[in-house]
Amino acid sequence: MNEENAETLITYSCENNRVCPEPSHWNELWEMLPNRHRIGSGWEPPLPLILGAWNYTSNLEKMMRLAEHIRWADKHGKLEEVSAFLRGIKETDWHHLSD
């Protein structure tokens, strides 16, 4: 396999009509991200679109937020860990376009 980068992992995350990890797994991924910090009433990087946001955001918004998390991991030297996590979860642990 070619060397992983943010874009190859984002591509992988969209294969098989994947949108994002199911909420508990997505939260676990977010907690892996280094240098998380509060900015005003929010967070950087932004929180995963789970809990109250899950039912009020589109699949496209979820895909874009996951891509943002992947790019954050890459920028902060944690892409390998995030890649292993995303590639290691079961297909049933992903939210899909058909769900």
PDB file of N, CA and C in Angstrom:
ATOM      1  N   MET A   1       0.833  -1.184   0.000  1.00  0.00           N
ATOM      2  CA  MET A   1       0.000   0.000   0.000  1.00  0.00           C
ATOM      3  C   MET A   1       0.878   1.247   0.000  1.00  0.00           C
ATOM      4  N   ASN A   2       0.433   2.258  -0.698  1.00  0.00           N
ATOM      5  CA  ASN A   2       1.161   3.522  -0.712  1.00  0.00           C
ATOM      6  C   ASN A   2       1.122   4.145   0.673  1.00  0.00           C
ATOM      7  N   GLU A   3       2.024   5.069   0.881  1.00  0.00           N
ATOM      8  CA  GLU A   3       2.060   5.754   2.171  1.00  0.00           C
ATOM      9  C   GLU A   3       0.741   6.495   2.402  1.00  0.00           C
ATOM     10  N   GLU A   4       0.224   6.347   3.602  1.00  0.00           N
ATOM     11  CA  GLU A   4      -1.041   6.997   3.964  1.00  0.00           C
ATOM     12  C   GLU A   4      -0.841   8.497   4.080  1.00  0.00           C
ATOM     13  N   ASN A   5      -1.818   9.242   3.595  1.00  0.00           N
ATOM     14  CA  ASN A   5      -1.884  10.675   3.847  1.00  0.00           C
ATOM     15  C   ASN A   5      -3.344  11.019   4.117  1.00  0.00           C
ATOM     16  N   ALA A   6      -3.598  12.246   4.462  1.00  0.00           N
ATOM     17  CA  ALA A   6      -4.968  12.631   4.830  1.00  0.00           C
ATOM     18  C   ALA A   6      -5.950  12.321   3.706  1.00  0.00           C
ATOM     19  N   GLU A   7      -5.570  12.625   2.490  1.00  0.00           N
ATOM     20  CA  GLU A   7      -6.519  12.451   1.378  1.00  0.00           C
ATOM     21  C   GLU A   7      -6.803  10.972   1.096  1.00  0.00           C
ATOM     22  N   THR A   8      -5.802  10.100   1.227  1.00  0.00           N
ATOM     23  CA  THR A   8      -6.081   8.676   1.005  1.00  0.00           C
ATOM     24  C   THR A   8      -6.977   8.127   2.108  1.00  0.00           C
ATOM     25  N   LEU A   9      -6.818   8.631   3.327  1.00  0.00           N
ATOM     26  CA  LEU A   9      -7.673   8.168   4.418  1.00  0.00           C
ATOM     27  C   LEU A   9      -9.091   8.716   4.272  1.00  0.00           C
ATOM     28  N   ILE A  10      -9.222   9.935   3.803  1.00  0.00           N
ATOM     29  CA  ILE A  10     -10.558  10.495   3.542  1.00  0.00           C
ATOM     30  C   ILE A  10     -11.239   9.682   2.448  1.00  0.00           C
ATOM     31  N   THR A  11     -10.500   9.341   1.410  1.00  0.00           N
ATOM     32  CA  THR A  11     -11.059   8.518   0.327  1.00  0.00           C
ATOM     33  C   THR A  11     -11.530   7.178   0.880  1.00  0.00           C
ATOM     34  N   TYR A  12     -10.695   6.549   1.690  1.00  0.00           N
ATOM     35  CA  TYR A  12     -11.083   5.278   2.318  1.00  0.00           C
ATOM     36  C   TYR A  12     -12.368   5.451   3.127  1.00  0.00           C
ATOM     37  N   SER A  13     -12.471   6.542   3.847  1.00  0.00           N
ATOM     38  CA  SER A  13     -13.617   6.776   4.730  1.00  0.00           C
ATOM     39  C   SER A  13     -14.918   6.979   3.959  1.00  0.00           C
ATOM     40  N   CYS A  14     -14.818   7.229   2.656  1.00  0.00           N
ATOM     41  CA  CYS A  14     -16.015   7.415   1.823  1.00  0.00           C
ATOM     42  C   CYS A  14     -16.351   6.170   0.992  1.00  0.00           C
ATOM     43  N   GLU A  15     -15.459   5.185   0.989  1.00  0.00           N
ATOM     44  CA  GLU A  15     -15.721   3.966   0.211  1.00  0.00           C
ATOM     45  C   GLU A  15     -16.920   3.225   0.792  1.00  0.00           C
ATOM     46  N   ASN A  16     -17.556   2.412  -0.026  1.00  0.00           N
ATOM     47  CA  ASN A  16     -18.710   1.601   0.395  1.00  0.00           C
ATOM     48  C   ASN A  16     -19.837   2.459   0.964  1.00  0.00           C
ATOM     49  N   ASN A  17     -19.947   3.696   0.458  1.00  0.00           N
ATOM     50  CA  ASN A  17     -20.992   4.627   0.911  1.00  0.00           C
ATOM     51  C   ASN A  17     -20.886   4.974   2.389  1.00  0.00           C
ATOM     52  N   ARG A  18     -19.659   4.930   2.940  1.00  0.00           N
ATOM     53  CA  ARG A  18     -19.451   5.331   4.332  1.00  0.00           C
ATOM     54  C   ARG A  18     -19.630   6.838   4.460  1.00  0.00           C
ATOM     55  N   VAL A  19     -20.130   7.253   5.621  1.00  0.00           N
ATOM     56  CA  VAL A  19     -20.288   8.668   5.942  1.00  0.00           C
ATOM     57  C   VAL A  19     -19.307   9.053   7.042  1.00  0.00           C
ATOM     58  N   CYS A  20     -19.388   8.341   8.152  1.00  0.00           N
ATOM     59  CA  CYS A  20     -18.559   8.609   9.328  1.00  0.00           C
ATOM     60  C   CYS A  20     -18.704   7.424  10.269  1.00  0.00           C
ATOM     61  N   PRO A  21     -17.822   7.318  11.240  1.00  0.00           N
ATOM     62  CA  PRO A  21     -18.030   6.264  12.240  1.00  0.00           C
ATOM     63  C   PRO A  21     -19.316   6.514  13.025  1.00  0.00           C
ATOM     64  N   GLU A  22     -19.906   5.446  13.512  1.00  0.00           N
ATOM     65  CA  GLU A  22     -21.061   5.599  14.397  1.00  0.00           C
ATOM     66  C   GLU A  22     -20.627   6.449  15.599  1.00  0.00           C
ATOM     67  N   PRO A  23     -21.577   7.115  16.262  1.00  0.00           N
ATOM     68  CA  PRO A  23     -21.230   8.117  17.278  1.00  0.00           C
ATOM     69  C   PRO A  23     -20.210   7.709  18.336  1.00  0.00           C
ATOM     70  N   SER A  24     -20.337   6.561  18.950  1.00  0.00           N
ATOM     71  CA  SER A  24     -19.384   6.213  20.012  1.00  0.00           C
ATOM     72  C   SER A  24     -17.967   6.077  19.465  1.00  0.00           C
ATOM     73  N   HIS A  25     -17.842   5.535  18.259  1.00  0.00           N
ATOM     74  CA  HIS A  25     -16.527   5.386  17.631  1.00  0.00           C
ATOM     75  C   HIS A  25     -15.981   6.738  17.179  1.00  0.00           C
ATOM     76  N   TRP A  26     -16.876   7.604  16.698  1.00  0.00           N
ATOM     77  CA  TRP A  26     -16.431   8.920  16.255  1.00  0.00           C
ATOM     78  C   TRP A  26     -15.920   9.728  17.451  1.00  0.00           C
ATOM     79  N   ASN A  27     -16.609   9.620  18.569  1.00  0.00           N
ATOM     80  CA  ASN A  27     -16.146  10.310  19.771  1.00  0.00           C
ATOM     81  C   ASN A  27     -14.777   9.777  20.197  1.00  0.00           C
ATOM     82  N   GLU A  28     -14.601   8.466  20.108  1.00  0.00           N
ATOM     83  CA  GLU A  28     -13.312   7.867  20.449  1.00  0.00           C
ATOM     84  C   GLU A  28     -12.204   8.419  19.546  1.00  0.00           C
ATOM     85  N   LEU A  29     -12.498   8.546  18.261  1.00  0.00           N
ATOM     86  CA  LEU A  29     -11.537   9.113  17.326  1.00  0.00           C
ATOM     87  C   LEU A  29     -11.218  10.556  17.714  1.00  0.00           C
ATOM     88  N   TRP A  30     -12.239  11.356  18.011  1.00  0.00           N
ATOM     89  CA  TRP A  30     -12.021  12.764  18.358  1.00  0.00           C
ATOM     90  C   TRP A  30     -11.127  12.890  19.589  1.00  0.00           C
ATOM     91  N   GLU A  31     -11.335  11.988  20.541  1.00  0.00           N
ATOM     92  CA  GLU A  31     -10.524  12.047  21.756  1.00  0.00           C
ATOM     93  C   GLU A  31      -9.055  11.701  21.493  1.00  0.00           C
ATOM     94  N   MET A  32      -8.758  11.034  20.380  1.00  0.00           N
ATOM     95  CA  MET A  32      -7.369  10.742  19.996  1.00  0.00           C
ATOM     96  C   MET A  32      -6.653  11.973  19.451  1.00  0.00           C
ATOM     97  N   LEU A  33      -7.421  12.938  18.968  1.00  0.00           N
ATOM     98  CA  LEU A  33      -6.816  14.075  18.289  1.00  0.00           C
ATOM     99  C   LEU A  33      -6.022  14.916  19.280  1.00  0.00           C
ATOM    100  N   PRO A  34      -4.786  15.218  18.927  1.00  0.00           N
ATOM    101  CA  PRO A  34      -3.946  15.998  19.837  1.00  0.00           C
ATOM    102  C   PRO A  34      -4.299  17.487  19.781  1.00  0.00           C
ATOM    103  N   ASN A  35      -3.898  18.178  20.820  1.00  0.00           N
ATOM    104  CA  ASN A  35      -4.013  19.646  20.873  1.00  0.00           C
ATOM    105  C   ASN A  35      -5.447  20.150  20.770  1.00  0.00           C
ATOM    106  N   ARG A  36      -6.405  19.352  21.247  1.00  0.00           N
ATOM    107  CA  ARG A  36      -7.791  19.833  21.291  1.00  0.00           C
ATOM    108  C   ARG A  36      -7.864  20.946  22.337  1.00  0.00           C
ATOM    109  N   HIS A  37      -8.627  21.970  22.019  1.00  0.00           N
ATOM    110  CA  HIS A  37      -8.778  23.046  22.992  1.00  0.00           C
ATOM    111  C   HIS A  37     -10.059  23.826  22.743  1.00  0.00           C
ATOM    112  N   ARG A  38     -10.533  24.449  23.803  1.00  0.00           N
ATOM    113  CA  ARG A  38     -11.739  25.262  23.721  1.00  0.00           C
ATOM    114  C   ARG A  38     -11.424  26.590  23.054  1.00  0.00           C
ATOM    115  N   ILE A  39     -12.375  27.032  22.254  1.00  0.00           N
ATOM    116  CA  ILE A  39     -12.337  28.370  21.668  1.00  0.00           C
ATOM    117  C   ILE A  39     -13.722  28.955  21.890  1.00  0.00           C
ATOM    118  N   GLY A  40     -13.828  29.894  22.795  1.00  0.00           N
ATOM    119  CA  GLY A  40     -15.134  30.444  23.141  1.00  0.00           C
ATOM    120  C   GLY A  40     -16.030  29.340  23.662  1.00  0.00           C
ATOM    121  N   SER A  41     -17.188  29.185  23.042  1.00  0.00           N
ATOM    122  CA  SER A  41     -18.118  28.135  23.468  1.00  0.00           C
ATOM    123  C   SER A  41     -17.938  26.846  22.674  1.00  0.00           C
ATOM    124  N   GLY A  42     -16.956  26.821  21.774  1.00  0.00           N
ATOM    125  CA  GLY A  42     -16.737  25.640  20.940  1.00  0.00           C
ATOM    126  C   GLY A  42     -15.387  25.003  21.189  1.00  0.00           C
ATOM    127  N   TRP A  43     -15.015  24.141  20.257  1.00  0.00           N
ATOM    128  CA  TRP A  43     -13.752  23.405  20.342  1.00  0.00           C
ATOM    129  C   TRP A  43     -13.012  23.505  19.024  1.00  0.00           C
ATOM    130  N   GLU A  44     -11.698  23.396  19.125  1.00  0.00           N
ATOM    131  CA  GLU A  44     -10.871  23.221  17.942  1.00  0.00           C
ATOM    132  C   GLU A  44     -10.037  21.982  18.150  1.00  0.00           C
ATOM    133  N   PRO A  45     -10.100  20.984  17.286  1.00  0.00           N
ATOM    134  CA  PRO A  45     -11.022  20.916  16.158  1.00  0.00           C
ATOM    135  C   PRO A  45     -12.464  20.783  16.660  1.00  0.00           C
ATOM    136  N   PRO A  46     -13.428  21.093  15.810  1.00  0.00           N
ATOM    137  CA  PRO A  46     -14.826  21.019  16.230  1.00  0.00           C
ATOM    138  C   PRO A  46     -15.213  19.610  16.680  1.00  0.00           C
ATOM    139  N   LEU A  47     -16.182  19.549  17.551  1.00  0.00           N
ATOM    140  CA  LEU A  47     -16.684  18.263  18.049  1.00  0.00           C
ATOM    141  C   LEU A  47     -17.256  17.417  16.914  1.00  0.00           C
ATOM    142  N   PRO A  48     -17.265  16.104  17.079  1.00  0.00           N
ATOM    143  CA  PRO A  48     -17.960  15.264  16.091  1.00  0.00           C
ATOM    144  C   PRO A  48     -19.456  15.585  16.131  1.00  0.00           C
ATOM    145  N   LEU A  49     -20.108  15.359  15.017  1.00  0.00           N
ATOM    146  CA  LEU A  49     -21.538  15.678  14.917  1.00  0.00           C
ATOM    147  C   LEU A  49     -22.360  14.515  15.467  1.00  0.00           C
ATOM    148  N   ILE A  50     -22.331  14.389  16.782  1.00  0.00           N
ATOM    149  CA  ILE A  50     -23.026  13.307  17.473  1.00  0.00           C
ATOM    150  C   ILE A  50     -23.987  13.921  18.484  1.00  0.00           C
ATOM    151  N   LEU A  51     -24.585  13.084  19.299  1.00  0.00           N
ATOM    152  CA  LEU A  51     -25.548  13.524  20.306  1.00  0.00           C
ATOM    153  C   LEU A  51     -26.638  14.355  19.642  1.00  0.00           C
ATOM    154  N   GLY A  52     -26.895  15.554  20.126  1.00  0.00           N
ATOM    155  CA  GLY A  52     -27.974  16.375  19.580  1.00  0.00           C
ATOM    156  C   GLY A  52     -27.776  16.754  18.127  1.00  0.00           C
ATOM    157  N   ALA A  53     -26.522  16.848  17.684  1.00  0.00           N
ATOM    158  CA  ALA A  53     -26.251  17.253  16.303  1.00  0.00           C
ATOM    159  C   ALA A  53     -26.516  16.133  15.299  1.00  0.00           C
ATOM    160  N   TRP A  54     -26.503  14.889  15.746  1.00  0.00           N
ATOM    161  CA  TRP A  54     -26.600  13.742  14.828  1.00  0.00           C
ATOM    162  C   TRP A  54     -27.826  13.819  13.929  1.00  0.00           C
ATOM    163  N   ASN A  55     -28.984  14.077  14.509  1.00  0.00           N
ATOM    164  CA  ASN A  55     -30.226  14.070  13.734  1.00  0.00           C
ATOM    165  C   ASN A  55     -30.478  15.365  12.981  1.00  0.00           C
ATOM    166  N   TYR A  56     -29.660  16.378  13.204  1.00  0.00           N
ATOM    167  CA  TYR A  56     -29.895  17.685  12.590  1.00  0.00           C
ATOM    168  C   TYR A  56     -28.820  18.081  11.596  1.00  0.00           C
ATOM    169  N   THR A  57     -27.940  17.155  11.282  1.00  0.00           N
ATOM    170  CA  THR A  57     -26.901  17.436  10.288  1.00  0.00           C
ATOM    171  C   THR A  57     -26.996  16.415   9.162  1.00  0.00           C
ATOM    172  N   SER A  58     -26.645  16.866   7.983  1.00  0.00           N
ATOM    173  CA  SER A  58     -26.717  15.998   6.804  1.00  0.00           C
ATOM    174  C   SER A  58     -25.515  15.050   6.763  1.00  0.00           C
ATOM    175  N   ASN A  59     -25.659  14.043   5.918  1.00  0.00           N
ATOM    176  CA  ASN A  59     -24.538  13.131   5.713  1.00  0.00           C
ATOM    177  C   ASN A  59     -23.325  13.889   5.168  1.00  0.00           C
ATOM    178  N   LEU A  60     -23.554  14.848   4.288  1.00  0.00           N
ATOM    179  CA  LEU A  60     -22.444  15.627   3.735  1.00  0.00           C
ATOM    180  C   LEU A  60     -21.732  16.408   4.843  1.00  0.00           C
ATOM    181  N   GLU A  61     -22.486  17.007   5.757  1.00  0.00           N
ATOM    182  CA  GLU A  61     -21.865  17.737   6.870  1.00  0.00           C
ATOM    183  C   GLU A  61     -21.037  16.796   7.739  1.00  0.00           C
ATOM    184  N   LYS A  62     -21.557  15.592   7.970  1.00  0.00           N
ATOM    185  CA  LYS A  62     -20.803  14.607   8.757  1.00  0.00           C
ATOM    186  C   LYS A  62     -19.524  14.196   8.040  1.00  0.00           C
ATOM    187  N   MET A  63     -19.604  13.984   6.731  1.00  0.00           N
ATOM    188  CA  MET A  63     -18.417  13.602   5.953  1.00  0.00           C
ATOM    189  C   MET A  63     -17.369  14.717   5.991  1.00  0.00           C
ATOM    190  N   MET A  64     -17.829  15.948   5.885  1.00  0.00           N
ATOM    191  CA  MET A  64     -16.906  17.085   5.899  1.00  0.00           C
ATOM    192  C   MET A  64     -16.249  17.232   7.275  1.00  0.00           C
ATOM    193  N   ARG A  65     -17.001  17.000   8.347  1.00  0.00           N
ATOM    194  CA  ARG A  65     -16.432  17.107   9.687  1.00  0.00           C
ATOM    195  C   ARG A  65     -15.404  15.999   9.925  1.00  0.00           C
ATOM    196  N   LEU A  66     -15.718  14.782   9.465  1.00  0.00           N
ATOM    197  CA  LEU A  66     -14.748  13.701   9.608  1.00  0.00           C
ATOM    198  C   LEU A  66     -13.472  14.033   8.838  1.00  0.00           C
ATOM    199  N   ALA A  67     -13.611  14.560   7.638  1.00  0.00           N
ATOM    200  CA  ALA A  67     -12.435  14.950   6.851  1.00  0.00           C
ATOM    201  C   ALA A  67     -11.616  16.000   7.602  1.00  0.00           C
ATOM    202  N   GLU A  68     -12.289  16.921   8.261  1.00  0.00           N
ATOM    203  CA  GLU A  68     -11.600  17.943   9.054  1.00  0.00           C
ATOM    204  C   GLU A  68     -10.809  17.290  10.192  1.00  0.00           C
ATOM    205  N   HIS A  69     -11.400  16.280  10.825  1.00  0.00           N
ATOM    206  CA  HIS A  69     -10.704  15.574  11.910  1.00  0.00           C
ATOM    207  C   HIS A  69      -9.480  14.828  11.373  1.00  0.00           C
ATOM    208  N   ILE A  70      -9.626  14.208  10.209  1.00  0.00           N
ATOM    209  CA  ILE A  70      -8.503  13.485   9.605  1.00  0.00           C
ATOM    210  C   ILE A  70      -7.374  14.457   9.258  1.00  0.00           C
ATOM    211  N   ARG A  71      -7.720  15.597   8.680  1.00  0.00           N
ATOM    212  CA  ARG A  71      -6.687  16.593   8.344  1.00  0.00           C
ATOM    213  C   ARG A  71      -6.019  17.146   9.603  1.00  0.00           C
ATOM    214  N   TRP A  72      -6.795  17.308  10.671  1.00  0.00           N
ATOM    215  CA  TRP A  72      -6.228  17.766  11.949  1.00  0.00           C
ATOM    216  C   TRP A  72      -5.197  16.741  12.447  1.00  0.00           C
ATOM    217  N   ALA A  73      -5.578  15.461  12.393  1.00  0.00           N
ATOM    218  CA  ALA A  73      -4.666  14.406  12.830  1.00  0.00           C
ATOM    219  C   ALA A  73      -3.379  14.444  12.009  1.00  0.00           C
ATOM    220  N   ASP A  74      -3.506  14.638  10.712  1.00  0.00           N
ATOM    221  CA  ASP A  74      -2.333  14.698   9.838  1.00  0.00           C
ATOM    222  C   ASP A  74      -1.458  15.889  10.213  1.00  0.00           C
ATOM    223  N   LYS A  75      -2.063  17.036  10.385  1.00  0.00           N
ATOM    224  CA  LYS A  75      -1.323  18.269  10.704  1.00  0.00           C
ATOM    225  C   LYS A  75      -0.595  18.162  12.050  1.00  0.00           C
ATOM    226  N   HIS A  76      -1.152  17.345  12.961  1.00  0.00           N
ATOM    227  CA  HIS A  76      -0.603  17.255  14.308  1.00  0.00           C
ATOM    228  C   HIS A  76       0.104  15.923  14.584  1.00  0.00           C
ATOM    229  N   GLY A  77       0.471  15.220  13.518  1.00  0.00           N
ATOM    230  CA  GLY A  77       1.318  14.041  13.674  1.00  0.00           C
ATOM    231  C   GLY A  77       0.642  12.792  14.218  1.00  0.00           C
ATOM    232  N   LYS A  78      -0.675  12.684  14.082  1.00  0.00           N
ATOM    233  CA  LYS A  78      -1.397  11.515  14.597  1.00  0.00           C
ATOM    234  C   LYS A  78      -2.133  10.746  13.497  1.00  0.00           C
ATOM    235  N   LEU A  79      -1.771  10.997  12.246  1.00  0.00           N
ATOM    236  CA  LEU A  79      -2.493  10.340  11.158  1.00  0.00           C
ATOM    237  C   LEU A  79      -2.355   8.824  11.221  1.00  0.00           C
ATOM    238  N   GLU A  80      -1.194   8.328  11.549  1.00  0.00           N
ATOM    239  CA  GLU A  80      -0.992   6.882  11.591  1.00  0.00           C
ATOM    240  C   GLU A  80      -1.942   6.236  12.606  1.00  0.00           C
ATOM    241  N   GLU A  81      -2.070   6.821  13.774  1.00  0.00           N
ATOM    242  CA  GLU A  81      -2.960   6.289  14.807  1.00  0.00           C
ATOM    243  C   GLU A  81      -4.434   6.374  14.378  1.00  0.00           C
ATOM    244  N   VAL A  82      -4.816   7.499  13.807  1.00  0.00           N
ATOM    245  CA  VAL A  82      -6.202   7.672  13.347  1.00  0.00           C
ATOM    246  C   VAL A  82      -6.500   6.717  12.194  1.00  0.00           C
ATOM    247  N   SER A  83      -5.546   6.543  11.296  1.00  0.00           N
ATOM    248  CA  SER A  83      -5.720   5.611  10.191  1.00  0.00           C
ATOM    249  C   SER A  83      -5.922   4.187  10.703  1.00  0.00           C
ATOM    250  N   ALA A  84      -5.081   3.774  11.642  1.00  0.00           N
ATOM    251  CA  ALA A  84      -5.215   2.420  12.194  1.00  0.00           C
ATOM    252  C   ALA A  84      -6.577   2.248  12.853  1.00  0.00           C
ATOM    253  N   PHE A  85      -7.046   3.276  13.532  1.00  0.00           N
ATOM    254  CA  PHE A  85      -8.351   3.205  14.184  1.00  0.00           C
ATOM    255  C   PHE A  85      -9.464   3.060  13.147  1.00  0.00           C
ATOM    256  N   LEU A  86      -9.492   3.963  12.160  1.00  0.00           N
ATOM    257  CA  LEU A  86     -10.569   3.935  11.163  1.00  0.00           C
ATOM    258  C   LEU A  86     -10.536   2.667  10.314  1.00  0.00           C
ATOM    259  N   ARG A  87      -9.351   2.223   9.957  1.00  0.00           N
ATOM    260  CA  ARG A  87      -9.245   1.014   9.148  1.00  0.00           C
ATOM    261  C   ARG A  87      -9.497  -0.248   9.973  1.00  0.00           C
ATOM    262  N   GLY A  88      -9.475  -0.095  11.298  1.00  0.00           N
ATOM    263  CA  GLY A  88      -9.662  -1.245  12.171  1.00  0.00           C
ATOM    264  C   GLY A  88     -11.084  -1.463  12.656  1.00  0.00           C
ATOM    265  N   ILE A  89     -11.946  -0.443  12.515  1.00  0.00           N
ATOM    266  CA  ILE A  89     -13.321  -0.652  12.988  1.00  0.00           C
ATOM    267  C   ILE A  89     -14.115  -1.450  11.952  1.00  0.00           C
ATOM    268  N   LYS A  90     -15.093  -2.182  12.445  1.00  0.00           N
ATOM    269  CA  LYS A  90     -15.902  -3.034  11.569  1.00  0.00           C
ATOM    270  C   LYS A  90     -16.788  -2.177  10.673  1.00  0.00           C
ATOM    271  N   GLU A  91     -17.171  -2.733   9.543  1.00  0.00           N
ATOM    272  CA  GLU A  91     -18.056  -2.023   8.613  1.00  0.00           C
ATOM    273  C   GLU A  91     -19.364  -1.632   9.307  1.00  0.00           C
ATOM    274  N   THR A  92     -19.836  -2.470  10.221  1.00  0.00           N
ATOM    275  CA  THR A  92     -21.081  -2.170  10.936  1.00  0.00           C
ATOM    276  C   THR A  92     -20.907  -1.015  11.930  1.00  0.00           C
ATOM    277  N   ASP A  93     -19.661  -0.606  12.198  1.00  0.00           N
ATOM    278  CA  ASP A  93     -19.405   0.527  13.089  1.00  0.00           C
ATOM    279  C   ASP A  93     -19.359   1.853  12.336  1.00  0.00           C
ATOM    280  N   TRP A  94     -19.639   1.797  11.034  1.00  0.00           N
ATOM    281  CA  TRP A  94     -19.726   2.996  10.204  1.00  0.00           C
ATOM    282  C   TRP A  94     -21.180   3.357   9.942  1.00  0.00           C
ATOM    283  N   HIS A  95     -21.463   4.626   9.860  1.00  0.00           N
ATOM    284  CA  HIS A  95     -22.748   5.116   9.373  1.00  0.00           C
ATOM    285  C   HIS A  95     -22.614   5.217   7.859  1.00  0.00           C
ATOM    286  N   HIS A  96     -23.617   4.729   7.128  1.00  0.00           N
ATOM    287  CA  HIS A  96     -23.579   4.698   5.663  1.00  0.00           C
ATOM    288  C   HIS A  96     -24.687   5.578   5.080  1.00  0.00           C
ATOM    289  N   LEU A  97     -24.516   5.954   3.824  1.00  0.00           N
ATOM    290  CA  LEU A  97     -25.525   6.762   3.147  1.00  0.00           C
ATOM    291  C   LEU A  97     -26.899   6.102   3.188  1.00  0.00           C
ATOM    292  N   SER A  98     -26.940   4.793   3.192  1.00  0.00           N
ATOM    293  CA  SER A  98     -28.224   4.079   3.166  1.00  0.00           C
ATOM    294  C   SER A  98     -28.863   3.928   4.544  1.00  0.00           C
ATOM    295  N   ASP A  99     -28.158   4.329   5.594  1.00  0.00           N
ATOM    296  CA  ASP A  99     -28.695   4.171   6.963  1.00  0.00           C
ATOM    297  C   ASP A  99     -29.760   5.203   7.268  1.00  0.00           C
TER     298      ASP A  99
END
